[in-house]
Amino acid sequence: MTISLVGLLIELLLLAVGVYLYLFARGLISFGSPESRARAEAFRADNATWMRLLGLALAALMLVNVVLHVRDLVQGIG
């Protein structure tokens, strides 16, 4: 059962990465210093389309995996 929980933790981590990538691509996440904020904004402007699609795809796949994994864990208990 511990291996299953490690797998669930990895799936949750990848879900968080997908959500973070999507939010960064949308410009909803800002950085500390003005210099790093300007560099991040330039990178985001150049790569927003593929980052948004990749973030959505990763988040959607990981959400399905997490839901199915939790369902399997709950069925295993009962």
C-alpha atoms as a PDB file:
ATOM      1  CA  MET A   1       0.000   0.000   0.000  1.00  0.00           C
ATOM      2  CA  THR A   2       2.904   2.390   0.552  1.00  0.00           C
ATOM      3  CA  ILE A   3       3.945   2.086  -3.098  1.00  0.00           C
ATOM      4  CA  SER A   4       0.416   3.079  -4.067  1.00  0.00           C
ATOM      5  CA  LEU A   5       0.603   6.161  -1.844  1.00  0.00           C
ATOM      6  CA  VAL A   6       3.965   7.116  -3.364  1.00  0.00           C
ATOM      7  CA  GLY A   7       2.375   6.833  -6.811  1.00  0.00           C
ATOM      8  CA  LEU A   8      -0.506   9.032  -5.687  1.00  0.00           C
ATOM      9  CA  LEU A   9       1.945  11.597  -4.317  1.00  0.00           C
ATOM     10  CA  ILE A  10       3.792  11.685  -7.643  1.00  0.00           C
ATOM     11  CA  GLU A  11       0.501  12.111  -9.507  1.00  0.00           C
ATOM     12  CA  LEU A  12      -0.454  15.003  -7.215  1.00  0.00           C
ATOM     13  CA  LEU A  13       2.954  16.588  -7.792  1.00  0.00           C
ATOM     14  CA  LEU A  14       2.551  16.348 -11.566  1.00  0.00           C
ATOM     15  CA  LEU A  15      -0.976  17.780 -11.260  1.00  0.00           C
ATOM     16  CA  ALA A  16       0.473  20.754  -9.377  1.00  0.00           C
ATOM     17  CA  VAL A  17       3.134  21.203 -12.084  1.00  0.00           C
ATOM     18  CA  GLY A  18       0.432  21.232 -14.764  1.00  0.00           C
ATOM     19  CA  VAL A  19      -1.662  23.801 -12.882  1.00  0.00           C
ATOM     20  CA  TYR A  20       1.424  25.954 -12.234  1.00  0.00           C
ATOM     21  CA  LEU A  21       2.444  25.822 -15.899  1.00  0.00           C
ATOM     22  CA  TYR A  22      -1.049  26.823 -17.005  1.00  0.00           C
ATOM     23  CA  LEU A  23      -1.229  29.702 -14.528  1.00  0.00           C
ATOM     24  CA  PHE A  24       2.240  30.891 -15.549  1.00  0.00           C
ATOM     25  CA  ALA A  25       1.260  30.773 -19.229  1.00  0.00           C
ATOM     26  CA  ARG A  26      -1.823  32.872 -18.459  1.00  0.00           C
ATOM     27  CA  GLY A  27       0.290  35.438 -16.599  1.00  0.00           C
ATOM     28  CA  LEU A  28      -1.383  34.925 -13.231  1.00  0.00           C
ATOM     29  CA  ILE A  29       1.871  34.121 -11.410  1.00  0.00           C
ATOM     30  CA  SER A  30       4.348  36.936 -10.782  1.00  0.00           C
ATOM     31  CA  PHE A  31       7.930  36.876  -9.577  1.00  0.00           C
ATOM     32  CA  GLY A  32       9.837  38.905  -6.995  1.00  0.00           C
ATOM     33  CA  SER A  33      12.274  41.314  -8.584  1.00  0.00           C
ATOM     34  CA  PRO A  34      11.395  43.546 -11.536  1.00  0.00           C
ATOM     35  CA  GLU A  35      14.315  42.155 -13.556  1.00  0.00           C
ATOM     36  CA  SER A  36      13.227  38.528 -13.199  1.00  0.00           C
ATOM     37  CA  ARG A  37       9.606  39.558 -13.771  1.00  0.00           C
ATOM     38  CA  ALA A  38      10.579  41.186 -17.084  1.00  0.00           C
ATOM     39  CA  ARG A  39      12.523  38.094 -18.197  1.00  0.00           C
ATOM     40  CA  ALA A  40       9.653  35.804 -17.225  1.00  0.00           C
ATOM     41  CA  GLU A  41       7.154  38.011 -19.057  1.00  0.00           C
ATOM     42  CA  ALA A  42       9.282  37.960 -22.215  1.00  0.00           C
ATOM     43  CA  PHE A  43       9.573  34.171 -22.028  1.00  0.00           C
ATOM     44  CA  ARG A  44       5.858  33.830 -21.361  1.00  0.00           C
ATOM     45  CA  ALA A  45       4.946  36.060 -24.293  1.00  0.00           C
ATOM     46  CA  ASP A  46       7.058  33.946 -26.669  1.00  0.00           C
ATOM     47  CA  ASN A  47       5.886  30.565 -25.406  1.00  0.00           C
ATOM     48  CA  ALA A  48       2.400  31.123 -23.986  1.00  0.00           C
ATOM     49  CA  THR A  49       0.499  28.982 -26.499  1.00  0.00           C
ATOM     50  CA  TRP A  50       2.352  25.714 -26.078  1.00  0.00           C
ATOM     51  CA  MET A  51       2.749  26.200 -22.333  1.00  0.00           C
ATOM     52  CA  ARG A  52      -0.979  26.763 -21.921  1.00  0.00           C
ATOM     53  CA  LEU A  53      -1.829  23.650 -23.941  1.00  0.00           C
ATOM     54  CA  LEU A  54       0.796  21.542 -22.184  1.00  0.00           C
ATOM     55  CA  GLY A  55      -0.354  22.749 -18.768  1.00  0.00           C
ATOM     56  CA  LEU A  56      -3.993  21.979 -19.520  1.00  0.00           C
ATOM     57  CA  ALA A  57      -3.186  18.545 -20.934  1.00  0.00           C
ATOM     58  CA  LEU A  58      -0.933  17.605 -18.029  1.00  0.00           C
ATOM     59  CA  ALA A  59      -3.408  18.851 -15.431  1.00  0.00           C
ATOM     60  CA  ALA A  60      -6.328  17.055 -17.089  1.00  0.00           C
ATOM     61  CA  LEU A  61      -4.487  13.744 -17.380  1.00  0.00           C
ATOM     62  CA  MET A  62      -3.174  13.902 -13.844  1.00  0.00           C
ATOM     63  CA  LEU A  63      -6.595  14.825 -12.455  1.00  0.00           C
ATOM     64  CA  VAL A  64      -8.100  11.742 -14.089  1.00  0.00           C
ATOM     65  CA  ASN A  65      -5.219   9.627 -12.737  1.00  0.00           C
ATOM     66  CA  VAL A  66      -5.655  11.011  -9.219  1.00  0.00           C
ATOM     67  CA  VAL A  67      -9.408  10.403  -9.232  1.00  0.00           C
ATOM     68  CA  LEU A  68      -8.981   6.825 -10.472  1.00  0.00           C
ATOM     69  CA  HIS A  69      -6.157   6.191  -8.011  1.00  0.00           C
ATOM     70  CA  VAL A  70      -8.178   7.458  -5.052  1.00  0.00           C
ATOM     71  CA  ARG A  71     -11.146   5.380  -6.196  1.00  0.00           C
ATOM     72  CA  ASP A  72      -8.950   2.267  -6.283  1.00  0.00           C
ATOM     73  CA  LEU A  73      -7.583   3.037  -2.830  1.00  0.00           C
ATOM     74  CA  VAL A  74     -11.074   3.511  -1.378  1.00  0.00           C
ATOM     75  CA  GLN A  75     -12.336   0.303  -2.970  1.00  0.00           C
ATOM     76  CA  GLY A  76      -9.319  -1.553  -1.591  1.00  0.00           C
ATOM     77  CA  ILE A  77     -10.176  -0.459   1.949  1.00  0.00           C
ATOM     78  CA  GLY A  78     -13.834  -1.417   1.790  1.00  0.00           C
END
